[in-house]
Amino acid sequence: MFINSYISLLVAGFGGGLLRGILGYLKHQYDYKNVGFDVKYFFGMSFISGIIGMMASVAINESGIMSSVEYFTPAFAFIVGYAGGDFLDGVYKIILGKNKG
């Protein structure tokens, strides 16, 4: 049961990161025509978002910060994974000083 709950958090966090990647790609396609799709970048950022979603959910769950909630659901990990993807994309753009694409 313990492992299954963490796996569901990872899957949900990965799903949030993947959704962020898809929406970001579609937005970029509408803003700029003739844009290539970097598969390694897309799946790499999605996977990292999933890890961030899982780690943040587990850390908050284990720390007891929100004692009114018994445990965090995969829905929370999904939201954190989405936000993590957005954050990582912003950091990437700041470090390289350019937009991806």
PDB file of N, CA and C in Angstrom:
ATOM      1  N   MET A   1       0.832  -1.208   0.000  1.00  0.00           N
ATOM      2  CA  MET A   1       0.000   0.000   0.000  1.00  0.00           C
ATOM      3  C   MET A   1       0.864   1.255   0.000  1.00  0.00           C
ATOM      4  N   PHE A   2       1.943   1.244   0.789  1.00  0.00           N
ATOM      5  CA  PHE A   2       2.834   2.403   0.877  1.00  0.00           C
ATOM      6  C   PHE A   2       3.450   2.715  -0.483  1.00  0.00           C
ATOM      7  N   ILE A   3       3.954   1.692  -1.160  1.00  0.00           N
ATOM      8  CA  ILE A   3       4.570   1.872  -2.474  1.00  0.00           C
ATOM      9  C   ILE A   3       3.520   2.295  -3.499  1.00  0.00           C
ATOM     10  N   ASN A   4       2.350   1.693  -3.456  1.00  0.00           N
ATOM     11  CA  ASN A   4       1.297   2.033  -4.423  1.00  0.00           C
ATOM     12  C   ASN A   4       0.887   3.490  -4.331  1.00  0.00           C
ATOM     13  N   SER A   5       0.850   4.047  -3.116  1.00  0.00           N
ATOM     14  CA  SER A   5       0.457   5.454  -2.984  1.00  0.00           C
ATOM     15  C   SER A   5       1.517   6.363  -3.590  1.00  0.00           C
ATOM     16  N   TYR A   6       2.804   6.028  -3.437  1.00  0.00           N
ATOM     17  CA  TYR A   6       3.856   6.840  -4.039  1.00  0.00           C
ATOM     18  C   TYR A   6       3.868   6.688  -5.553  1.00  0.00           C
ATOM     19  N   ILE A   7       3.580   5.507  -6.040  1.00  0.00           N
ATOM     20  CA  ILE A   7       3.526   5.305  -7.490  1.00  0.00           C
ATOM     21  C   ILE A   7       2.386   6.124  -8.085  1.00  0.00           C
ATOM     22  N   SER A   8       1.238   6.151  -7.408  1.00  0.00           N
ATOM     23  CA  SER A   8       0.121   6.945  -7.925  1.00  0.00           C
ATOM     24  C   SER A   8       0.464   8.432  -7.904  1.00  0.00           C
ATOM     25  N   LEU A   9       1.249   8.886  -6.907  1.00  0.00           N
ATOM     26  CA  LEU A   9       1.678  10.283  -6.882  1.00  0.00           C
ATOM     27  C   LEU A   9       2.631  10.570  -8.037  1.00  0.00           C
ATOM     28  N   LEU A  10       3.538   9.642  -8.326  1.00  0.00           N
ATOM     29  CA  LEU A  10       4.468   9.829  -9.435  1.00  0.00           C
ATOM     30  C   LEU A  10       3.726   9.879 -10.763  1.00  0.00           C
ATOM     31  N   VAL A  11       2.801   8.965 -10.953  1.00  0.00           N
ATOM     32  CA  VAL A  11       2.043   8.930 -12.202  1.00  0.00           C
ATOM     33  C   VAL A  11       1.225  10.210 -12.367  1.00  0.00           C
ATOM     34  N   ALA A  12       0.591  10.667 -11.294  1.00  0.00           N
ATOM     35  CA  ALA A  12      -0.200  11.892 -11.372  1.00  0.00           C
ATOM     36  C   ALA A  12       0.696  13.104 -11.610  1.00  0.00           C
ATOM     37  N   GLY A  13       1.835  13.166 -10.937  1.00  0.00           N
ATOM     38  CA  GLY A  13       2.775  14.269 -11.158  1.00  0.00           C
ATOM     39  C   GLY A  13       3.304  14.260 -12.579  1.00  0.00           C
ATOM     40  N   PHE A  14       3.605  13.074 -13.090  1.00  0.00           N
ATOM     41  CA  PHE A  14       4.052  12.944 -14.479  1.00  0.00           C
ATOM     42  C   PHE A  14       2.959  13.412 -15.430  1.00  0.00           C
ATOM     43  N   GLY A  15       1.716  13.053 -15.122  1.00  0.00           N
ATOM     44  CA  GLY A  15       0.587  13.487 -15.958  1.00  0.00           C
ATOM     45  C   GLY A  15       0.450  14.991 -15.973  1.00  0.00           C
ATOM     46  N   GLY A  16       0.642  15.628 -14.824  1.00  0.00           N
ATOM     47  CA  GLY A  16       0.586  17.089 -14.769  1.00  0.00           C
ATOM     48  C   GLY A  16       1.688  17.728 -15.589  1.00  0.00           C
ATOM     49  N   GLY A  17       2.901  17.173 -15.489  1.00  0.00           N
ATOM     50  CA  GLY A  17       4.013  17.687 -16.288  1.00  0.00           C
ATOM     51  C   GLY A  17       3.784  17.480 -17.770  1.00  0.00           C
ATOM     52  N   LEU A  18       3.236  16.334 -18.120  1.00  0.00           N
ATOM     53  CA  LEU A  18       2.941  16.033 -19.520  1.00  0.00           C
ATOM     54  C   LEU A  18       1.887  16.988 -20.068  1.00  0.00           C
ATOM     55  N   LEU A  19       0.837  17.243 -19.280  1.00  0.00           N
ATOM     56  CA  LEU A  19      -0.188  18.191 -19.707  1.00  0.00           C
ATOM     57  C   LEU A  19       0.414  19.577 -19.898  1.00  0.00           C
ATOM     58  N   ARG A  20       1.295  19.989 -18.992  1.00  0.00           N
ATOM     59  CA  ARG A  20       1.960  21.292 -19.117  1.00  0.00           C
ATOM     60  C   ARG A  20       2.767  21.349 -20.404  1.00  0.00           C
ATOM     61  N   GLY A  21       3.462  20.270 -20.701  1.00  0.00           N
ATOM     62  CA  GLY A  21       4.261  20.233 -21.923  1.00  0.00           C
ATOM     63  C   GLY A  21       3.406  20.327 -23.171  1.00  0.00           C
ATOM     64  N   ILE A  22       2.300  19.607 -23.190  1.00  0.00           N
ATOM     65  CA  ILE A  22       1.404  19.627 -24.352  1.00  0.00           C
ATOM     66  C   ILE A  22       0.799  21.010 -24.547  1.00  0.00           C
ATOM     67  N   LEU A  23       0.310  21.609 -23.463  1.00  0.00           N
ATOM     68  CA  LEU A  23      -0.291  22.940 -23.574  1.00  0.00           C
ATOM     69  C   LEU A  23       0.738  23.987 -23.963  1.00  0.00           C
ATOM     70  N   GLY A  24       1.951  23.879 -23.409  1.00  0.00           N
ATOM     71  CA  GLY A  24       3.017  24.808 -23.769  1.00  0.00           C
ATOM     72  C   GLY A  24       3.394  24.685 -25.234  1.00  0.00           C
ATOM     73  N   TYR A  25       3.462  23.447 -25.714  1.00  0.00           N
ATOM     74  CA  TYR A  25       3.786  23.216 -27.121  1.00  0.00           C
ATOM     75  C   TYR A  25       2.699  23.793 -28.027  1.00  0.00           C
ATOM     76  N   LEU A  26       1.424  23.545 -27.690  1.00  0.00           N
ATOM     77  CA  LEU A  26       0.328  24.077 -28.509  1.00  0.00           C
ATOM     78  C   LEU A  26       0.332  25.601 -28.507  1.00  0.00           C
ATOM     79  N   LYS A  27       0.578  26.189 -27.351  1.00  0.00           N
ATOM     80  CA  LYS A  27       0.635  27.653 -27.271  1.00  0.00           C
ATOM     81  C   LYS A  27       1.769  28.186 -28.131  1.00  0.00           C
ATOM     82  N   HIS A  28       2.916  27.521 -28.053  1.00  0.00           N
ATOM     83  CA  HIS A  28       4.065  27.950 -28.847  1.00  0.00           C
ATOM     84  C   HIS A  28       3.789  27.796 -30.346  1.00  0.00           C
ATOM     85  N   GLN A  29       3.066  26.753 -30.719  1.00  0.00           N
ATOM     86  CA  GLN A  29       2.724  26.542 -32.128  1.00  0.00           C
ATOM     87  C   GLN A  29       1.825  27.665 -32.649  1.00  0.00           C
ATOM     88  N   TYR A  30       0.905  28.149 -31.806  1.00  0.00           N
ATOM     89  CA  TYR A  30       0.016  29.225 -32.250  1.00  0.00           C
ATOM     90  C   TYR A  30       0.719  30.572 -32.271  1.00  0.00           C
ATOM     91  N   ASP A  31       1.699  30.758 -31.373  1.00  0.00           N
ATOM     92  CA  ASP A  31       2.435  32.021 -31.340  1.00  0.00           C
ATOM     93  C   ASP A  31       3.450  32.118 -32.471  1.00  0.00           C
ATOM     94  N   TYR A  32       4.145  31.022 -32.731  1.00  0.00           N
ATOM     95  CA  TYR A  32       5.197  30.992 -33.746  1.00  0.00           C
ATOM     96  C   TYR A  32       4.894  29.851 -34.703  1.00  0.00           C
ATOM     97  N   LYS A  33       4.783  30.135 -35.978  1.00  0.00           N
ATOM     98  CA  LYS A  33       4.491  29.071 -36.962  1.00  0.00           C
ATOM     99  C   LYS A  33       5.762  28.246 -37.148  1.00  0.00           C
ATOM    100  N   ASN A  34       6.042  27.436 -37.952  1.00  0.00           N
ATOM    101  CA  ASN A  34       7.282  26.702 -38.243  1.00  0.00           C
ATOM    102  C   ASN A  34       8.149  26.398 -37.019  1.00  0.00           C
ATOM    103  N   VAL A  35       7.589  25.797 -35.986  1.00  0.00           N
ATOM    104  CA  VAL A  35       8.334  25.449 -34.784  1.00  0.00           C
ATOM    105  C   VAL A  35       8.573  23.945 -34.767  1.00  0.00           C
ATOM    106  N   GLY A  36       9.822  23.562 -34.519  1.00  0.00           N
ATOM    107  CA  GLY A  36      10.147  22.141 -34.420  1.00  0.00           C
ATOM    108  C   GLY A  36       9.759  21.586 -33.055  1.00  0.00           C
ATOM    109  N   PHE A  37       9.684  20.276 -32.966  1.00  0.00           N
ATOM    110  CA  PHE A  37       9.321  19.613 -31.712  1.00  0.00           C
ATOM    111  C   PHE A  37      10.516  18.811 -31.229  1.00  0.00           C
ATOM    112  N   ASP A  38      11.086  19.191 -30.080  1.00  0.00           N
ATOM    113  CA  ASP A  38      12.233  18.504 -29.493  1.00  0.00           C
ATOM    114  C   ASP A  38      11.715  17.431 -28.540  1.00  0.00           C
ATOM    115  N   VAL A  39      11.712  16.182 -28.992  1.00  0.00           N
ATOM    116  CA  VAL A  39      11.128  15.075 -28.230  1.00  0.00           C
ATOM    117  C   VAL A  39      11.877  14.850 -26.918  1.00  0.00           C
ATOM    118  N   LYS A  40      13.215  14.881 -26.953  1.00  0.00           N
ATOM    119  CA  LYS A  40      13.997  14.648 -25.730  1.00  0.00           C
ATOM    120  C   LYS A  40      13.719  15.726 -24.691  1.00  0.00           C
ATOM    121  N   TYR A  41      13.662  16.965 -25.107  1.00  0.00           N
ATOM    122  CA  TYR A  41      13.359  18.066 -24.186  1.00  0.00           C
ATOM    123  C   TYR A  41      11.961  17.897 -23.590  1.00  0.00           C
ATOM    124  N   PHE A  42      10.992  17.599 -24.435  1.00  0.00           N
ATOM    125  CA  PHE A  42       9.604  17.457 -23.997  1.00  0.00           C
ATOM    126  C   PHE A  42       9.452  16.359 -22.950  1.00  0.00           C
ATOM    127  N   PHE A  43       9.948  15.152 -23.250  1.00  0.00           N
ATOM    128  CA  PHE A  43       9.783  14.051 -22.311  1.00  0.00           C
ATOM    129  C   PHE A  43      10.696  14.182 -21.098  1.00  0.00           C
ATOM    130  N   GLY A  44      11.863  14.786 -21.281  1.00  0.00           N
ATOM    131  CA  GLY A  44      12.750  15.021 -20.139  1.00  0.00           C
ATOM    132  C   GLY A  44      12.120  15.965 -19.125  1.00  0.00           C
ATOM    133  N   MET A  45      11.575  17.068 -19.606  1.00  0.00           N
ATOM    134  CA  MET A  45      10.920  18.026 -18.706  1.00  0.00           C
ATOM    135  C   MET A  45       9.665  17.420 -18.084  1.00  0.00           C
ATOM    136  N   SER A  46       8.931  16.614 -18.825  1.00  0.00           N
ATOM    137  CA  SER A  46       7.743  15.958 -18.284  1.00  0.00           C
ATOM    138  C   SER A  46       8.125  14.988 -17.165  1.00  0.00           C
ATOM    139  N   PHE A  47       9.190  14.219 -17.374  1.00  0.00           N
ATOM    140  CA  PHE A  47       9.625  13.269 -16.354  1.00  0.00           C
ATOM    141  C   PHE A  47      10.094  13.995 -15.095  1.00  0.00           C
ATOM    142  N   ILE A  48      10.872  15.052 -15.267  1.00  0.00           N
ATOM    143  CA  ILE A  48      11.336  15.826 -14.112  1.00  0.00           C
ATOM    144  C   ILE A  48      10.154  16.444 -13.376  1.00  0.00           C
ATOM    145  N   SER A  49       9.146  16.918 -14.103  1.00  0.00           N
ATOM    146  CA  SER A  49       7.942  17.458 -13.469  1.00  0.00           C
ATOM    147  C   SER A  49       7.238  16.392 -12.643  1.00  0.00           C
ATOM    148  N   GLY A  50       7.205  15.175 -13.156  1.00  0.00           N
ATOM    149  CA  GLY A  50       6.606  14.080 -12.409  1.00  0.00           C
ATOM    150  C   GLY A  50       7.349  13.806 -11.111  1.00  0.00           C
ATOM    151  N   ILE A  51       8.676  13.812 -11.173  1.00  0.00           N
ATOM    152  CA  ILE A  51       9.486  13.601  -9.975  1.00  0.00           C
ATOM    153  C   ILE A  51       9.248  14.734  -8.975  1.00  0.00           C
ATOM    154  N   ILE A  52       9.201  15.976  -9.456  1.00  0.00           N
ATOM    155  CA  ILE A  52       8.938  17.117  -8.578  1.00  0.00           C
ATOM    156  C   ILE A  52       7.553  17.004  -7.954  1.00  0.00           C
ATOM    157  N   GLY A  53       6.562  16.619  -8.749  1.00  0.00           N
ATOM    158  CA  GLY A  53       5.215  16.441  -8.214  1.00  0.00           C
ATOM    159  C   GLY A  53       5.171  15.396  -7.118  1.00  0.00           C
ATOM    160  N   MET A  54       5.853  14.274  -7.326  1.00  0.00           N
ATOM    161  CA  MET A  54       5.884  13.220  -6.317  1.00  0.00           C
ATOM    162  C   MET A  54       6.626  13.681  -5.070  1.00  0.00           C
ATOM    163  N   MET A  55       7.811  14.272  -5.250  1.00  0.00           N
ATOM    164  CA  MET A  55       8.621  14.663  -4.096  1.00  0.00           C
ATOM    165  C   MET A  55       7.938  15.746  -3.262  1.00  0.00           C
ATOM    166  N   ALA A  56       7.335  16.725  -3.909  1.00  0.00           N
ATOM    167  CA  ALA A  56       6.655  17.786  -3.168  1.00  0.00           C
ATOM    168  C   ALA A  56       5.452  17.238  -2.413  1.00  0.00           C
ATOM    169  N   SER A  57       4.687  16.376  -3.049  1.00  0.00           N
ATOM    170  CA  SER A  57       3.521  15.797  -2.383  1.00  0.00           C
ATOM    171  C   SER A  57       3.931  14.955  -1.180  1.00  0.00           C
ATOM    172  N   VAL A  58       4.941  14.134  -1.369  1.00  0.00           N
ATOM    173  CA  VAL A  58       5.415  13.279  -0.276  1.00  0.00           C
ATOM    174  C   VAL A  58       6.005  14.129   0.845  1.00  0.00           C
ATOM    175  N   ALA A  59       6.798  15.148   0.491  1.00  0.00           N
ATOM    176  CA  ALA A  59       7.419  15.995   1.509  1.00  0.00           C
ATOM    177  C   ALA A  59       6.368  16.721   2.346  1.00  0.00           C
ATOM    178  N   ILE A  60       5.367  17.271   1.704  1.00  0.00           N
ATOM    179  CA  ILE A  60       4.317  17.980   2.446  1.00  0.00           C
ATOM    180  C   ILE A  60       3.504  16.993   3.264  1.00  0.00           C
ATOM    181  N   ASN A  61       3.242  15.833   2.686  1.00  0.00           N
ATOM    182  CA  ASN A  61       2.475  14.808   3.391  1.00  0.00           C
ATOM    183  C   ASN A  61       3.215  14.340   4.643  1.00  0.00           C
ATOM    184  N   GLU A  62       4.506  14.058   4.517  1.00  0.00           N
ATOM    185  CA  GLU A  62       5.291  13.529   5.628  1.00  0.00           C
ATOM    186  C   GLU A  62       5.633  14.593   6.660  1.00  0.00           C
ATOM    187  N   SER A  63       5.711  15.852   6.267  1.00  0.00           N
ATOM    188  CA  SER A  63       6.090  16.905   7.209  1.00  0.00           C
ATOM    189  C   SER A  63       4.970  17.280   8.163  1.00  0.00           C
ATOM    190  N   GLY A  64       3.745  16.997   7.795  1.00  0.00           N
ATOM    191  CA  GLY A  64       2.617  17.338   8.669  1.00  0.00           C
ATOM    192  C   GLY A  64       2.261  18.808   8.634  1.00  0.00           C
ATOM    193  N   ILE A  65       2.713  19.523   7.608  1.00  0.00           N
ATOM    194  CA  ILE A  65       2.420  20.956   7.499  1.00  0.00           C
ATOM    195  C   ILE A  65       0.919  21.198   7.499  1.00  0.00           C
ATOM    196  N   MET A  66       0.214  20.374   6.773  1.00  0.00           N
ATOM    197  CA  MET A  66      -1.236  20.518   6.712  1.00  0.00           C
ATOM    198  C   MET A  66      -1.860  19.368   7.497  1.00  0.00           C
ATOM    199  N   SER A  67      -1.941  19.537   8.776  1.00  0.00           N
ATOM    200  CA  SER A  67      -2.422  18.457   9.640  1.00  0.00           C
ATOM    201  C   SER A  67      -3.916  18.173   9.461  1.00  0.00           C
ATOM    202  N   SER A  68      -4.644  19.083   8.840  1.00  0.00           N
ATOM    203  CA  SER A  68      -6.074  18.855   8.639  1.00  0.00           C
ATOM    204  C   SER A  68      -6.341  17.851   7.517  1.00  0.00           C
ATOM    205  N   VAL A  69      -5.341  17.602   6.673  1.00  0.00           N
ATOM    206  CA  VAL A  69      -5.480  16.655   5.575  1.00  0.00           C
ATOM    207  C   VAL A  69      -4.719  15.392   5.937  1.00  0.00           C
ATOM    208  N   GLU A  70      -5.391  14.255   5.893  1.00  0.00           N
ATOM    209  CA  GLU A  70      -4.755  13.001   6.295  1.00  0.00           C
ATOM    210  C   GLU A  70      -3.624  12.611   5.351  1.00  0.00           C
ATOM    211  N   TYR A  71      -3.823  12.730   4.050  1.00  0.00           N
ATOM    212  CA  TYR A  71      -2.779  12.446   3.068  1.00  0.00           C
ATOM    213  C   TYR A  71      -3.103  13.178   1.775  1.00  0.00           C
ATOM    214  N   PHE A  72      -2.105  13.345   0.960  1.00  0.00           N
ATOM    215  CA  PHE A  72      -2.306  14.041  -0.298  1.00  0.00           C
ATOM    216  C   PHE A  72      -2.708  13.073  -1.382  1.00  0.00           C
ATOM    217  N   THR A  73      -3.571  13.530  -2.211  1.00  0.00           N
ATOM    218  CA  THR A  73      -4.121  12.690  -3.266  1.00  0.00           C
ATOM    219  C   THR A  73      -3.306  12.852  -4.544  1.00  0.00           C
ATOM    220  N   PRO A  74      -3.498  11.953  -5.482  1.00  0.00           N
ATOM    221  CA  PRO A  74      -2.864  12.126  -6.790  1.00  0.00           C
ATOM    222  C   PRO A  74      -3.282  13.427  -7.486  1.00  0.00           C
ATOM    223  N   ALA A  75      -4.452  13.952  -7.169  1.00  0.00           N
ATOM    224  CA  ALA A  75      -4.876  15.226  -7.765  1.00  0.00           C
ATOM    225  C   ALA A  75      -3.914  16.348  -7.372  1.00  0.00           C
ATOM    226  N   PHE A  76      -3.457  16.336  -6.129  1.00  0.00           N
ATOM    227  CA  PHE A  76      -2.489  17.336  -5.680  1.00  0.00           C
ATOM    228  C   PHE A  76      -1.168  17.166  -6.436  1.00  0.00           C
ATOM    229  N   ALA A  77      -0.724  15.931  -6.594  1.00  0.00           N
ATOM    230  CA  ALA A  77       0.518  15.669  -7.324  1.00  0.00           C
ATOM    231  C   ALA A  77       0.394  16.111  -8.776  1.00  0.00           C
ATOM    232  N   PHE A  78      -0.782  15.955  -9.368  1.00  0.00           N
ATOM    233  CA  PHE A  78      -1.027  16.389 -10.740  1.00  0.00           C
ATOM    234  C   PHE A  78      -0.832  17.898 -10.859  1.00  0.00           C
ATOM    235  N   ILE A  79      -1.392  18.646  -9.922  1.00  0.00           N
ATOM    236  CA  ILE A  79      -1.276  20.109  -9.931  1.00  0.00           C
ATOM    237  C   ILE A  79       0.173  20.531  -9.722  1.00  0.00           C
ATOM    238  N   VAL A  80       0.861  19.884  -8.780  1.00  0.00           N
ATOM    239  CA  VAL A  80       2.259  20.212  -8.518  1.00  0.00           C
ATOM    240  C   VAL A  80       3.130  19.853  -9.718  1.00  0.00           C
ATOM    241  N   GLY A  81       2.840  18.732 -10.375  1.00  0.00           N
ATOM    242  CA  GLY A  81       3.584  18.359 -11.579  1.00  0.00           C
ATOM    243  C   GLY A  81       3.410  19.373 -12.686  1.00  0.00           C
ATOM    244  N   TYR A  82       2.203  19.877 -12.844  1.00  0.00           N
ATOM    245  CA  TYR A  82       1.934  20.909 -13.848  1.00  0.00           C
ATOM    246  C   TYR A  82       2.734  22.172 -13.524  1.00  0.00           C
ATOM    247  N   ALA A  83       2.649  22.606 -12.274  1.00  0.00           N
ATOM    248  CA  ALA A  83       3.363  23.817 -11.858  1.00  0.00           C
ATOM    249  C   ALA A  83       4.877  23.613 -11.946  1.00  0.00           C
ATOM    250  N   GLY A  84       5.340  22.412 -11.628  1.00  0.00           N
ATOM    251  CA  GLY A  84       6.766  22.116 -11.717  1.00  0.00           C
ATOM    252  C   GLY A  84       7.278  22.225 -13.142  1.00  0.00           C
ATOM    253  N   GLY A  85       6.488  21.757 -14.098  1.00  0.00           N
ATOM    254  CA  GLY A  85       6.872  21.875 -15.502  1.00  0.00           C
ATOM    255  C   GLY A  85       6.967  23.322 -15.928  1.00  0.00           C
ATOM    256  N   ASP A  86       6.049  24.134 -15.493  1.00  0.00           N
ATOM    257  CA  ASP A  86       6.054  25.554 -15.819  1.00  0.00           C
ATOM    258  C   ASP A  86       7.278  26.230 -15.212  1.00  0.00           C
ATOM    259  N   PHE A  87       7.567  25.904 -13.963  1.00  0.00           N
ATOM    260  CA  PHE A  87       8.721  26.473 -13.263  1.00  0.00           C
ATOM    261  C   PHE A  87      10.024  26.084 -13.965  1.00  0.00           C
ATOM    262  N   LEU A  88      10.182  24.805 -14.284  1.00  0.00           N
ATOM    263  CA  LEU A  88      11.408  24.339 -14.935  1.00  0.00           C
ATOM    264  C   LEU A  88      11.592  24.962 -16.315  1.00  0.00           C
ATOM    265  N   ASP A  89      10.519  25.131 -17.044  1.00  0.00           N
ATOM    266  CA  ASP A  89      10.606  25.756 -18.353  1.00  0.00           C
ATOM    267  C   ASP A  89      11.070  27.209 -18.218  1.00  0.00           C
ATOM    268  N   GLY A  90      10.565  27.903 -17.213  1.00  0.00           N
ATOM    269  CA  GLY A  90      10.995  29.280 -16.960  1.00  0.00           C
ATOM    270  C   GLY A  90      12.464  29.367 -16.588  1.00  0.00           C
ATOM    271  N   VAL A  91      12.930  28.443 -15.742  1.00  0.00           N
ATOM    272  CA  VAL A  91      14.341  28.421 -15.352  1.00  0.00           C
ATOM    273  C   VAL A  91      15.215  28.146 -16.570  1.00  0.00           C
ATOM    274  N   TYR A  92      14.794  27.208 -17.403  1.00  0.00           N
ATOM    275  CA  TYR A  92      15.532  26.880 -18.630  1.00  0.00           C
ATOM    276  C   TYR A  92      15.697  28.118 -19.506  1.00  0.00           C
ATOM    277  N   LYS A  93      14.619  28.870 -19.679  1.00  0.00           N
ATOM    278  CA  LYS A  93      14.655  30.052 -20.527  1.00  0.00           C
ATOM    279  C   LYS A  93      15.544  31.135 -19.920  1.00  0.00           C
ATOM    280  N   ILE A  94      15.526  31.278 -18.602  1.00  0.00           N
ATOM    281  CA  ILE A  94      16.360  32.279 -17.937  1.00  0.00           C
ATOM    282  C   ILE A  94      17.840  31.920 -18.077  1.00  0.00           C
ATOM    283  N   ILE A  95      18.175  30.657 -17.832  1.00  0.00           N
ATOM    284  CA  ILE A  95      19.578  30.230 -17.883  1.00  0.00           C
ATOM    285  C   ILE A  95      20.139  30.384 -19.288  1.00  0.00           C
ATOM    286  N   LEU A  96      19.408  29.948 -20.279  1.00  0.00           N
ATOM    287  CA  LEU A  96      19.902  30.042 -21.655  1.00  0.00           C
ATOM    288  C   LEU A  96      19.637  31.404 -22.281  1.00  0.00           C
ATOM    289  N   GLY A  97      18.779  32.197 -21.651  1.00  0.00           N
ATOM    290  CA  GLY A  97      18.492  33.527 -22.159  1.00  0.00           C
ATOM    291  C   GLY A  97      17.740  33.541 -23.474  1.00  0.00           C
ATOM    292  N   LYS A  98      16.937  32.498 -23.708  1.00  0.00           N
ATOM    293  CA  LYS A  98      16.178  32.448 -24.957  1.00  0.00           C
ATOM    294  C   LYS A  98      14.962  31.570 -24.775  1.00  0.00           C
ATOM    295  N   ASN A  99      14.068  31.641 -25.742  1.00  0.00           N
ATOM    296  CA  ASN A  99      12.916  30.744 -25.772  1.00  0.00           C
ATOM    297  C   ASN A  99      13.312  29.455 -26.457  1.00  0.00           C
ATOM    298  N   LYS A 100      12.714  28.359 -26.009  1.00  0.00           N
ATOM    299  CA  LYS A 100      12.945  27.056 -26.653  1.00  0.00           C
ATOM    300  C   LYS A 100      12.181  27.028 -27.955  1.00  0.00           C
ATOM    301  N   GLY A 101      12.799  26.604 -29.028  1.00  0.00           N
ATOM    302  CA  GLY A 101      12.083  26.463 -30.287  1.00  0.00           C
ATOM    303  C   GLY A 101      12.585  27.261 -31.381  1.00  0.00           C
TER     304      GLY A 101
END
